[in-house]
Amino acid sequence: MRTIIIGTLLISISFLIKSQDNKIIVVDSLSNKPISYASAYFKNEKIGTYTNENGVFYYDKLDQIIQVSHIGYYSRIIKLPIKNDTIKMQPHSYILNEIIVKPSKRKVEIKGYYSFRSFFTISGHSGDELAVYLPNNSDENKFIKEIIIGFSTKQYIKNSLGIAFTSIFRINLYSKKENSREPDSLLIKNDLVFTSDILKPETIINVSKYNLQMPKDGIFVSVEWIGIESTDTKKLITDYKNLIEPFVTTTFEKTQAVVYERNKFKDVNWKLVDKNNKFSSALKKDNFYTPRISLSLY
């Protein structure tokens, strides 16, 4: 991951994409509906991409082994080329306990780091993911109402490029791994994918309809960068060399947060962000940065 700090930002962009005559469409095995923004990892080359809004991704070399994954589906490992250029994904079978949410007069509780002073912003490339742990210190059973994230909207970047595009990103909620400090399993089978059009300095995402109870062991909230999409052609570009939205605001105020990062196409393992990270060293800080992310609970 890299940092954007206020100052002169030189950006160059080229949409001269190399020829990609081969394409795959990823669909639901039951409904045959396209699956948008599934990840496709090319094991031979150790690179990755995502399907676009129509469930399509492109590739160059025929002799490839790929792993296709998406929230709510079993992953598949497939050797290319394949018949009909179609990959069918089998949905997970979820057995959920019935949850009854009773009306409550309790005030909404805010838990997290959004209220901390913003110091600088972080962005990423396609496949990057940044996660922060929010502990549960309450004895009450509370549900997650909203995810609150501090973003920096850099409209001047888009204006300087003179190109009509939007960035695609995903919000993930993970449980905490048992006997570990790392993120573990996804807690919502639904895909929380958004475009940069929704970004505000205080972006609030309502997730109350999922009736997700705050885990006793706490929760990880992550931002995953997918790519940029042309508003004219709807082509998804995942090999863009510069940083893309969203720009997540962070704080250097001392917190009890646990922060991890990874790129799911380069190394699926999470890497702990500690005080020895390159940003703290460059800015001469004696502690690590924390994304300004909170949850509202009720």
C-alpha atoms as a PDB file:
ATOM      1  CA  MET A   1       0.000   0.000   0.000  1.00  0.00           C
ATOM      2  CA  ARG A   2       1.046   3.597  -0.522  1.00  0.00           C
ATOM      3  CA  THR A   3       0.256   6.942   0.983  1.00  0.00           C
ATOM      4  CA  ILE A   4      -1.300  10.067  -0.435  1.00  0.00           C
ATOM      5  CA  ILE A   5      -0.114  13.184   1.453  1.00  0.00           C
ATOM      6  CA  ILE A   6      -1.248  16.712   0.643  1.00  0.00           C
ATOM      7  CA  GLY A   7       1.160  18.097  -1.928  1.00  0.00           C
ATOM      8  CA  THR A   8       1.865  17.887  -5.613  1.00  0.00           C
ATOM      9  CA  LEU A   9       0.526  14.681  -7.105  1.00  0.00           C
ATOM     10  CA  LEU A  10       1.723  13.707 -10.533  1.00  0.00           C
ATOM     11  CA  ILE A  11      -0.521  11.170 -12.161  1.00  0.00           C
ATOM     12  CA  SER A  12      -0.188   9.596 -15.553  1.00  0.00           C
ATOM     13  CA  ILE A  13      -2.714   7.209 -16.966  1.00  0.00           C
ATOM     14  CA  SER A  14      -3.020   5.124 -20.064  1.00  0.00           C
ATOM     15  CA  PHE A  15      -6.034   3.178 -21.175  1.00  0.00           C
ATOM     16  CA  LEU A  16      -4.104   1.437 -23.922  1.00  0.00           C
ATOM     17  CA  ILE A  17      -4.958  -2.017 -22.670  1.00  0.00           C
ATOM     18  CA  LYS A  18      -3.169  -4.909 -24.308  1.00  0.00           C
ATOM     19  CA  SER A  19      -5.189  -7.177 -26.507  1.00  0.00           C
ATOM     20  CA  GLN A  20      -7.323  -9.580 -24.508  1.00  0.00           C
ATOM     21  CA  ASP A  21      -9.313 -11.689 -26.916  1.00  0.00           C
ATOM     22  CA  ASN A  22     -10.133 -14.426 -24.422  1.00  0.00           C
ATOM     23  CA  LYS A  23     -12.896 -13.870 -21.924  1.00  0.00           C
ATOM     24  CA  ILE A  24     -14.658 -15.846 -19.214  1.00  0.00           C
ATOM     25  CA  ILE A  25     -18.073 -15.227 -17.701  1.00  0.00           C
ATOM     26  CA  VAL A  26     -18.674 -16.292 -14.099  1.00  0.00           C
ATOM     27  CA  VAL A  27     -22.264 -17.234 -13.244  1.00  0.00           C
ATOM     28  CA  ASP A  28     -24.354 -18.633 -10.406  1.00  0.00           C
ATOM     29  CA  SER A  29     -24.802 -22.386 -10.953  1.00  0.00           C
ATOM     30  CA  LEU A  30     -28.474 -22.245  -9.922  1.00  0.00           C
ATOM     31  CA  SER A  31     -29.740 -19.071 -11.557  1.00  0.00           C
ATOM     32  CA  ASN A  32     -27.124 -18.633 -14.316  1.00  0.00           C
ATOM     33  CA  LYS A  33     -26.979 -14.964 -13.382  1.00  0.00           C
ATOM     34  CA  PRO A  34     -23.585 -13.252 -13.790  1.00  0.00           C
ATOM     35  CA  ILE A  35     -21.530 -12.786 -10.623  1.00  0.00           C
ATOM     36  CA  SER A  36     -20.079  -9.282 -10.443  1.00  0.00           C
ATOM     37  CA  TYR A  37     -16.660  -8.525  -8.946  1.00  0.00           C
ATOM     38  CA  ALA A  38     -15.578 -12.113  -8.287  1.00  0.00           C
ATOM     39  CA  SER A  39     -11.802 -12.422  -7.916  1.00  0.00           C
ATOM     40  CA  ALA A  40      -9.785 -14.493 -10.405  1.00  0.00           C
ATOM     41  CA  TYR A  41      -6.247 -15.440  -9.351  1.00  0.00           C
ATOM     42  CA  PHE A  42      -3.836 -16.699 -12.034  1.00  0.00           C
ATOM     43  CA  LYS A  43      -1.691 -19.206 -10.145  1.00  0.00           C
ATOM     44  CA  ASN A  44       1.012 -19.510 -12.820  1.00  0.00           C
ATOM     45  CA  GLU A  45       1.732 -15.796 -13.010  1.00  0.00           C
ATOM     46  CA  LYS A  46       0.767 -14.901  -9.426  1.00  0.00           C
ATOM     47  CA  ILE A  47      -1.444 -12.035 -10.571  1.00  0.00           C
ATOM     48  CA  GLY A  48      -5.165 -11.439 -10.311  1.00  0.00           C
ATOM     49  CA  THR A  49      -8.173  -9.553 -11.566  1.00  0.00           C
ATOM     50  CA  TYR A  50     -11.914  -9.212 -10.941  1.00  0.00           C
ATOM     51  CA  THR A  51     -14.985  -9.827 -13.043  1.00  0.00           C
ATOM     52  CA  ASN A  52     -16.764  -6.709 -14.192  1.00  0.00           C
ATOM     53  CA  GLU A  53     -20.377  -5.704 -13.549  1.00  0.00           C
ATOM     54  CA  ASN A  54     -21.489  -8.328 -16.098  1.00  0.00           C
ATOM     55  CA  GLY A  55     -19.473 -11.158 -14.539  1.00  0.00           C
ATOM     56  CA  VAL A  56     -16.789 -11.099 -17.253  1.00  0.00           C
ATOM     57  CA  PHE A  57     -13.002 -11.082 -17.004  1.00  0.00           C
ATOM     58  CA  TYR A  58     -10.361 -11.231 -19.743  1.00  0.00           C
ATOM     59  CA  TYR A  59      -7.096 -13.126 -20.071  1.00  0.00           C
ATOM     60  CA  ASP A  60      -4.260 -13.512 -22.573  1.00  0.00           C
ATOM     61  CA  LYS A  61      -2.611 -16.900 -22.147  1.00  0.00           C
ATOM     62  CA  LEU A  62      -4.601 -20.083 -22.739  1.00  0.00           C
ATOM     63  CA  ASP A  63      -2.523 -22.395 -20.568  1.00  0.00           C
ATOM     64  CA  GLN A  64      -3.561 -21.062 -17.164  1.00  0.00           C
ATOM     65  CA  ILE A  65      -4.699 -22.368 -13.797  1.00  0.00           C
ATOM     66  CA  ILE A  66      -7.018 -19.940 -12.040  1.00  0.00           C
ATOM     67  CA  GLN A  67      -8.800 -19.785  -8.722  1.00  0.00           C
ATOM     68  CA  VAL A  68     -12.150 -17.976  -8.778  1.00  0.00           C
ATOM     69  CA  SER A  69     -13.675 -16.768  -5.500  1.00  0.00           C
ATOM     70  CA  HIS A  70     -16.613 -14.698  -4.379  1.00  0.00           C
ATOM     71  CA  ILE A  71     -18.470 -14.033  -1.145  1.00  0.00           C
ATOM     72  CA  GLY A  72     -21.243 -16.589  -0.699  1.00  0.00           C
ATOM     73  CA  TYR A  73     -19.810 -19.155  -3.134  1.00  0.00           C
ATOM     74  CA  TYR A  74     -17.429 -22.104  -2.998  1.00  0.00           C
ATOM     75  CA  SER A  75     -14.095 -21.252  -4.630  1.00  0.00           C
ATOM     76  CA  ARG A  76     -13.148 -23.095  -7.821  1.00  0.00           C
ATOM     77  CA  ILE A  77      -9.739 -23.967  -9.268  1.00  0.00           C
ATOM     78  CA  ILE A  78      -9.909 -24.425 -13.034  1.00  0.00           C
ATOM     79  CA  LYS A  79      -7.496 -25.008 -15.890  1.00  0.00           C
ATOM     80  CA  LEU A  80      -7.989 -22.806 -18.946  1.00  0.00           C
ATOM     81  CA  PRO A  81      -9.286 -22.940 -21.604  1.00  0.00           C
ATOM     82  CA  ILE A  82     -12.719 -24.237 -20.635  1.00  0.00           C
ATOM     83  CA  LYS A  83     -15.810 -25.247 -22.544  1.00  0.00           C
ATOM     84  CA  ASN A  84     -18.272 -22.462 -23.369  1.00  0.00           C
ATOM     85  CA  ASP A  85     -15.991 -19.938 -21.606  1.00  0.00           C
ATOM     86  CA  THR A  86     -18.276 -20.135 -18.564  1.00  0.00           C
ATOM     87  CA  ILE A  87     -17.469 -20.846 -14.920  1.00  0.00           C
ATOM     88  CA  LYS A  88     -20.392 -21.850 -12.716  1.00  0.00           C
ATOM     89  CA  MET A  89     -20.108 -21.107  -9.007  1.00  0.00           C
ATOM     90  CA  GLN A  90     -22.007 -23.124  -6.409  1.00  0.00           C
ATOM     91  CA  PRO A  91     -23.583 -21.000  -3.642  1.00  0.00           C
ATOM     92  CA  HIS A  92     -22.803 -21.756  -0.033  1.00  0.00           C
ATOM     93  CA  SER A  93     -25.603 -23.406   1.907  1.00  0.00           C
ATOM     94  CA  TYR A  94     -26.037 -21.264   4.994  1.00  0.00           C
ATOM     95  CA  ILE A  95     -27.868 -22.508   8.076  1.00  0.00           C
ATOM     96  CA  LEU A  96     -28.655 -19.402  10.085  1.00  0.00           C
ATOM     97  CA  ASN A  97     -30.144 -19.218  13.530  1.00  0.00           C
ATOM     98  CA  GLU A  98     -33.349 -17.238  13.623  1.00  0.00           C
ATOM     99  CA  ILE A  99     -32.692 -13.753  14.944  1.00  0.00           C
ATOM    100  CA  ILE A 100     -35.461 -11.686  16.436  1.00  0.00           C
ATOM    101  CA  VAL A 101     -34.652  -8.022  16.897  1.00  0.00           C
ATOM    102  CA  LYS A 102     -36.873  -6.461  19.525  1.00  0.00           C
ATOM    103  CA  PRO A 103     -37.526  -2.711  19.588  1.00  0.00           C
ATOM    104  CA  SER A 104     -35.172  -1.016  21.996  1.00  0.00           C
ATOM    105  CA  LYS A 105     -35.008   2.434  23.545  1.00  0.00           C
ATOM    106  CA  ARG A 106     -31.281   2.110  24.153  1.00  0.00           C
ATOM    107  CA  LYS A 107     -29.124   4.793  22.611  1.00  0.00           C
ATOM    108  CA  VAL A 108     -26.965   3.892  19.662  1.00  0.00           C
ATOM    109  CA  GLU A 109     -23.377   3.211  20.735  1.00  0.00           C
ATOM    110  CA  ILE A 110     -20.450   4.237  18.538  1.00  0.00           C
ATOM    111  CA  LYS A 111     -17.410   1.978  18.720  1.00  0.00           C
ATOM    112  CA  GLY A 112     -14.190   2.572  16.843  1.00  0.00           C
ATOM    113  CA  TYR A 113     -11.816   5.258  15.615  1.00  0.00           C
ATOM    114  CA  TYR A 114     -13.728   7.593  13.314  1.00  0.00           C
ATOM    115  CA  SER A 115     -13.764  10.373  15.936  1.00  0.00           C
ATOM    116  CA  PHE A 116      -9.961  10.444  16.117  1.00  0.00           C
ATOM    117  CA  ARG A 117      -8.084  13.274  14.396  1.00  0.00           C
ATOM    118  CA  SER A 118      -7.262  12.575  10.756  1.00  0.00           C
ATOM    119  CA  PHE A 119      -3.579  12.730   9.897  1.00  0.00           C
ATOM    120  CA  PHE A 120      -3.075  11.295   6.408  1.00  0.00           C
ATOM    121  CA  THR A 121      -4.807   9.088   3.864  1.00  0.00           C
ATOM    122  CA  ILE A 122      -4.103   5.650   2.460  1.00  0.00           C
ATOM    123  CA  SER A 123      -5.153   4.166  -0.833  1.00  0.00           C
ATOM    124  CA  GLY A 124      -4.288   1.007  -2.735  1.00  0.00           C
ATOM    125  CA  HIS A 125      -4.209  -0.983  -5.942  1.00  0.00           C
ATOM    126  CA  SER A 126      -6.502  -3.728  -7.164  1.00  0.00           C
ATOM    127  CA  GLY A 127      -6.517  -6.585  -4.646  1.00  0.00           C
ATOM    128  CA  ASP A 128      -5.230  -4.522  -1.702  1.00  0.00           C
ATOM    129  CA  GLU A 129      -7.138  -4.838   1.557  1.00  0.00           C
ATOM    130  CA  LEU A 130      -6.838  -2.906   4.832  1.00  0.00           C
ATOM    131  CA  ALA A 131      -8.558  -4.215   7.990  1.00  0.00           C
ATOM    132  CA  VAL A 132      -8.982  -2.840  11.505  1.00  0.00           C
ATOM    133  CA  TYR A 133     -10.137  -4.761  14.590  1.00  0.00           C
ATOM    134  CA  LEU A 134     -12.948  -3.397  16.755  1.00  0.00           C
ATOM    135  CA  PRO A 135     -13.217  -5.177  20.128  1.00  0.00           C
ATOM    136  CA  ASN A 136     -16.471  -5.925  21.936  1.00  0.00           C
ATOM    137  CA  ASN A 137     -16.225  -4.743  25.524  1.00  0.00           C
ATOM    138  CA  SER A 138     -19.943  -4.926  26.261  1.00  0.00           C
ATOM    139  CA  ASP A 139     -21.850  -7.639  28.099  1.00  0.00           C
ATOM    140  CA  GLU A 140     -24.992  -6.737  26.169  1.00  0.00           C
ATOM    141  CA  ASN A 141     -26.050  -8.399  22.938  1.00  0.00           C
ATOM    142  CA  LYS A 142     -25.926  -5.608  20.394  1.00  0.00           C
ATOM    143  CA  PHE A 143     -26.466  -5.518  16.654  1.00  0.00           C
ATOM    144  CA  ILE A 144     -24.502  -3.635  14.025  1.00  0.00           C
ATOM    145  CA  LYS A 145     -26.480  -0.788  12.530  1.00  0.00           C
ATOM    146  CA  GLU A 146     -23.946   1.191  10.488  1.00  0.00           C
ATOM    147  CA  ILE A 147     -20.363   1.178   9.311  1.00  0.00           C
ATOM    148  CA  ILE A 148     -18.818   4.646   9.532  1.00  0.00           C
ATOM    149  CA  ILE A 149     -15.650   5.331   7.519  1.00  0.00           C
ATOM    150  CA  GLY A 150     -13.638   8.498   7.068  1.00  0.00           C
ATOM    151  CA  PHE A 151     -12.736   9.019   3.405  1.00  0.00           C
ATOM    152  CA  SER A 152     -10.920  11.839   1.662  1.00  0.00           C
ATOM    153  CA  THR A 153     -12.634  12.841  -1.573  1.00  0.00           C
ATOM    154  CA  LYS A 154     -10.030  13.926  -4.087  1.00  0.00           C
ATOM    155  CA  GLN A 155     -12.201  15.138  -6.950  1.00  0.00           C
ATOM    156  CA  TYR A 156      -9.329  17.201  -8.318  1.00  0.00           C
ATOM    157  CA  ILE A 157      -7.587  13.964  -9.307  1.00  0.00           C
ATOM    158  CA  LYS A 158     -10.464  12.948 -11.571  1.00  0.00           C
ATOM    159  CA  ASN A 159     -10.729  16.444 -12.978  1.00  0.00           C
ATOM    160  CA  SER A 160      -7.015  16.482 -13.818  1.00  0.00           C
ATOM    161  CA  LEU A 161      -7.307  13.226 -15.747  1.00  0.00           C
ATOM    162  CA  GLY A 162     -10.236  14.330 -17.861  1.00  0.00           C
ATOM    163  CA  ILE A 163     -11.550  10.753 -17.982  1.00  0.00           C
ATOM    164  CA  ALA A 164     -14.981   9.554 -16.916  1.00  0.00           C
ATOM    165  CA  PHE A 165     -14.507   6.653 -14.529  1.00  0.00           C
ATOM    166  CA  THR A 166     -15.525   5.455 -11.119  1.00  0.00           C
ATOM    167  CA  SER A 167     -13.637   3.334  -8.590  1.00  0.00           C
ATOM    168  CA  ILE A 168     -15.054   0.055  -7.285  1.00  0.00           C
ATOM    169  CA  PHE A 169     -14.414  -1.111  -3.729  1.00  0.00           C
ATOM    170  CA  ARG A 170     -15.780  -3.652  -1.264  1.00  0.00           C
ATOM    171  CA  ILE A 171     -16.392  -3.541   2.494  1.00  0.00           C
ATOM    172  CA  ASN A 172     -15.791  -6.823   4.331  1.00  0.00           C
ATOM    173  CA  LEU A 173     -16.689  -7.889   7.871  1.00  0.00           C
ATOM    174  CA  TYR A 174     -14.588 -10.683   9.385  1.00  0.00           C
ATOM    175  CA  SER A 175     -14.688 -12.604  12.628  1.00  0.00           C
ATOM    176  CA  LYS A 176     -11.481 -12.796  14.688  1.00  0.00           C
ATOM    177  CA  LYS A 177      -9.524 -16.015  14.340  1.00  0.00           C
ATOM    178  CA  GLU A 178      -9.605 -18.134  17.498  1.00  0.00           C
ATOM    179  CA  ASN A 179      -6.410 -17.904  19.560  1.00  0.00           C
ATOM    180  CA  SER A 180      -5.073 -15.316  17.135  1.00  0.00           C
ATOM    181  CA  ARG A 181      -5.290 -11.612  16.373  1.00  0.00           C
ATOM    182  CA  GLU A 182      -5.953 -12.087  12.648  1.00  0.00           C
ATOM    183  CA  PRO A 183      -9.143 -11.778  10.575  1.00  0.00           C
ATOM    184  CA  ASP A 184     -10.856 -15.097   9.955  1.00  0.00           C
ATOM    185  CA  SER A 185     -14.215 -15.791   8.285  1.00  0.00           C
ATOM    186  CA  LEU A 186     -16.556 -13.431   6.473  1.00  0.00           C
ATOM    187  CA  LEU A 187     -19.661 -12.675   8.518  1.00  0.00           C
ATOM    188  CA  ILE A 188     -22.007 -11.479   5.759  1.00  0.00           C
ATOM    189  CA  LYS A 189     -22.624 -13.592   2.677  1.00  0.00           C
ATOM    190  CA  ASN A 190     -23.981 -10.571   0.790  1.00  0.00           C
ATOM    191  CA  ASP A 191     -21.583  -8.536  -1.322  1.00  0.00           C
ATOM    192  CA  LEU A 192     -21.003  -5.014   0.033  1.00  0.00           C
ATOM    193  CA  VAL A 193     -19.632  -3.523  -3.201  1.00  0.00           C
ATOM    194  CA  PHE A 194     -19.783   0.220  -3.826  1.00  0.00           C
ATOM    195  CA  THR A 195     -18.607   2.836  -6.292  1.00  0.00           C
ATOM    196  CA  SER A 196     -16.639   5.945  -5.419  1.00  0.00           C
ATOM    197  CA  ASP A 197     -19.752   8.000  -6.187  1.00  0.00           C
ATOM    198  CA  ILE A 198     -20.975   7.374  -2.627  1.00  0.00           C
ATOM    199  CA  LEU A 199     -17.841   8.707  -0.964  1.00  0.00           C
ATOM    200  CA  LYS A 200     -18.128  11.508   1.564  1.00  0.00           C
ATOM    201  CA  PRO A 201     -15.755  12.639   4.337  1.00  0.00           C
ATOM    202  CA  GLU A 202     -18.079  10.741   6.689  1.00  0.00           C
ATOM    203  CA  THR A 203     -19.459   7.797   4.721  1.00  0.00           C
ATOM    204  CA  ILE A 204     -22.176   5.839   6.526  1.00  0.00           C
ATOM    205  CA  ILE A 205     -23.207   2.402   5.283  1.00  0.00           C
ATOM    206  CA  ASN A 206     -26.377   0.996   6.835  1.00  0.00           C
ATOM    207  CA  VAL A 207     -26.175  -2.787   7.372  1.00  0.00           C
ATOM    208  CA  SER A 208     -29.028  -3.161   9.872  1.00  0.00           C
ATOM    209  CA  LYS A 209     -31.050  -5.292   7.428  1.00  0.00           C
ATOM    210  CA  TYR A 210     -28.550  -8.138   7.876  1.00  0.00           C
ATOM    211  CA  ASN A 211     -29.355  -8.446  11.613  1.00  0.00           C
ATOM    212  CA  LEU A 212     -25.672  -9.009  12.344  1.00  0.00           C
ATOM    213  CA  GLN A 213     -24.915  -9.342  16.030  1.00  0.00           C
ATOM    214  CA  MET A 214     -21.642  -7.897  17.267  1.00  0.00           C
ATOM    215  CA  PRO A 215     -19.418 -10.954  17.934  1.00  0.00           C
ATOM    216  CA  LYS A 216     -18.261 -11.456  21.515  1.00  0.00           C
ATOM    217  CA  ASP A 217     -14.669 -11.640  20.285  1.00  0.00           C
ATOM    218  CA  GLY A 218     -14.983  -8.420  18.306  1.00  0.00           C
ATOM    219  CA  ILE A 219     -14.922  -7.857  14.552  1.00  0.00           C
ATOM    220  CA  PHE A 220     -12.628  -6.801  11.713  1.00  0.00           C
ATOM    221  CA  VAL A 221     -13.847  -4.216   9.200  1.00  0.00           C
ATOM    222  CA  SER A 222     -11.889  -3.986   5.958  1.00  0.00           C
ATOM    223  CA  VAL A 223     -11.754  -1.927   2.771  1.00  0.00           C
ATOM    224  CA  GLU A 224     -10.850  -3.878  -0.395  1.00  0.00           C
ATOM    225  CA  TRP A 225      -9.797  -2.055  -3.576  1.00  0.00           C
ATOM    226  CA  ILE A 226     -11.203  -3.721  -6.720  1.00  0.00           C
ATOM    227  CA  GLY A 227     -10.417  -1.439  -9.675  1.00  0.00           C
ATOM    228  CA  ILE A 228     -11.647   1.426 -11.823  1.00  0.00           C
ATOM    229  CA  GLU A 229     -14.515   1.217 -14.280  1.00  0.00           C
ATOM    230  CA  SER A 230     -15.122   3.398 -17.321  1.00  0.00           C
ATOM    231  CA  THR A 231     -18.503   5.076 -17.013  1.00  0.00           C
ATOM    232  CA  ASP A 232     -18.827   4.954 -20.813  1.00  0.00           C
ATOM    233  CA  THR A 233     -17.763   1.401 -21.705  1.00  0.00           C
ATOM    234  CA  LYS A 234     -18.219  -0.258 -18.266  1.00  0.00           C
ATOM    235  CA  LYS A 235     -14.823  -1.905 -18.767  1.00  0.00           C
ATOM    236  CA  LEU A 236     -13.205  -2.823 -15.442  1.00  0.00           C
ATOM    237  CA  ILE A 237      -9.482  -2.060 -15.262  1.00  0.00           C
ATOM    238  CA  THR A 238      -7.507  -3.855 -12.562  1.00  0.00           C
ATOM    239  CA  ASP A 239      -3.938  -3.292 -13.806  1.00  0.00           C
ATOM    240  CA  TYR A 240      -4.044   0.468 -13.292  1.00  0.00           C
ATOM    241  CA  LYS A 241      -0.596   1.520 -12.048  1.00  0.00           C
ATOM    242  CA  ASN A 242      -1.604   4.460  -9.868  1.00  0.00           C
ATOM    243  CA  LEU A 243      -3.474   4.499  -6.581  1.00  0.00           C
ATOM    244  CA  ILE A 244      -7.252   4.410  -6.782  1.00  0.00           C
ATOM    245  CA  GLU A 245     -10.138   5.529  -4.613  1.00  0.00           C
ATOM    246  CA  PRO A 246     -11.221   5.242  -1.909  1.00  0.00           C
ATOM    247  CA  PHE A 247      -8.676   7.233   0.074  1.00  0.00           C
ATOM    248  CA  VAL A 248      -9.097   6.052   3.671  1.00  0.00           C
ATOM    249  CA  THR A 249      -8.275   8.616   6.339  1.00  0.00           C
ATOM    250  CA  THR A 250      -6.113   7.402   9.214  1.00  0.00           C
ATOM    251  CA  THR A 251      -4.936   8.671  12.571  1.00  0.00           C
ATOM    252  CA  PHE A 252      -1.614   8.483  14.393  1.00  0.00           C
ATOM    253  CA  GLU A 253      -3.220   9.060  17.772  1.00  0.00           C
ATOM    254  CA  LYS A 254      -2.444   6.155  20.064  1.00  0.00           C
ATOM    255  CA  THR A 255      -5.185   3.527  19.923  1.00  0.00           C
ATOM    256  CA  GLN A 256      -5.658  -0.053  21.029  1.00  0.00           C
ATOM    257  CA  ALA A 257      -6.455  -1.028  17.455  1.00  0.00           C
ATOM    258  CA  VAL A 258      -5.078  -4.038  15.614  1.00  0.00           C
ATOM    259  CA  VAL A 259      -4.507  -3.295  11.931  1.00  0.00           C
ATOM    260  CA  TYR A 260      -3.726  -5.735   9.114  1.00  0.00           C
ATOM    261  CA  GLU A 261      -3.116  -5.404   5.387  1.00  0.00           C
ATOM    262  CA  ARG A 262      -2.636  -7.730   2.421  1.00  0.00           C
ATOM    263  CA  ASN A 263      -2.899  -8.028  -1.341  1.00  0.00           C
ATOM    264  CA  LYS A 264      -5.047 -11.086  -2.082  1.00  0.00           C
ATOM    265  CA  PHE A 265      -3.338 -11.641  -5.458  1.00  0.00           C
ATOM    266  CA  LYS A 266       0.249 -11.444  -4.182  1.00  0.00           C
ATOM    267  CA  ASP A 267       0.044 -12.947  -0.712  1.00  0.00           C
ATOM    268  CA  VAL A 268      -3.214 -14.078   0.862  1.00  0.00           C
ATOM    269  CA  ASN A 269      -1.639 -13.952   4.321  1.00  0.00           C
ATOM    270  CA  TRP A 270      -2.441 -10.960   6.482  1.00  0.00           C
ATOM    271  CA  LYS A 271       0.455  -8.721   7.531  1.00  0.00           C
ATOM    272  CA  LEU A 272       0.298  -6.881  10.853  1.00  0.00           C
ATOM    273  CA  VAL A 273       0.748  -3.107  10.658  1.00  0.00           C
ATOM    274  CA  ASP A 274       3.003  -2.140  13.578  1.00  0.00           C
ATOM    275  CA  LYS A 275       5.116   0.857  14.568  1.00  0.00           C
ATOM    276  CA  ASN A 276       7.886  -0.311  12.226  1.00  0.00           C
ATOM    277  CA  ASN A 277       5.773   0.188   9.091  1.00  0.00           C
ATOM    278  CA  LYS A 278       7.287   2.421   6.406  1.00  0.00           C
ATOM    279  CA  PHE A 279       4.807   5.250   6.936  1.00  0.00           C
ATOM    280  CA  SER A 280       5.558   5.594  10.641  1.00  0.00           C
ATOM    281  CA  SER A 281       9.276   5.566   9.867  1.00  0.00           C
ATOM    282  CA  ALA A 282       8.979   8.158   7.097  1.00  0.00           C
ATOM    283  CA  LEU A 283       6.840  10.465   9.255  1.00  0.00           C
ATOM    284  CA  LYS A 284       8.941   9.815  12.384  1.00  0.00           C
ATOM    285  CA  LYS A 285       6.031   8.471  14.408  1.00  0.00           C
ATOM    286  CA  ASP A 286       6.530   6.131  17.352  1.00  0.00           C
ATOM    287  CA  ASN A 287       3.287   4.220  16.761  1.00  0.00           C
ATOM    288  CA  PHE A 288       1.320   2.758  13.844  1.00  0.00           C
ATOM    289  CA  TYR A 289      -1.557   4.298  11.894  1.00  0.00           C
ATOM    290  CA  THR A 290      -5.207   3.364  12.447  1.00  0.00           C
ATOM    291  CA  PRO A 291      -7.962   3.646   9.788  1.00  0.00           C
ATOM    292  CA  ARG A 292     -10.760   5.955  10.928  1.00  0.00           C
ATOM    293  CA  ILE A 293     -13.491   3.302  10.960  1.00  0.00           C
ATOM    294  CA  SER A 294     -16.308   2.896  13.491  1.00  0.00           C
ATOM    295  CA  LEU A 295     -19.491   0.903  13.986  1.00  0.00           C
ATOM    296  CA  SER A 296     -22.791   2.093  15.382  1.00  0.00           C
ATOM    297  CA  LEU A 297     -24.420  -0.559  17.572  1.00  0.00           C
ATOM    298  CA  TYR A 298     -27.947  -0.800  18.945  1.00  0.00           C
END
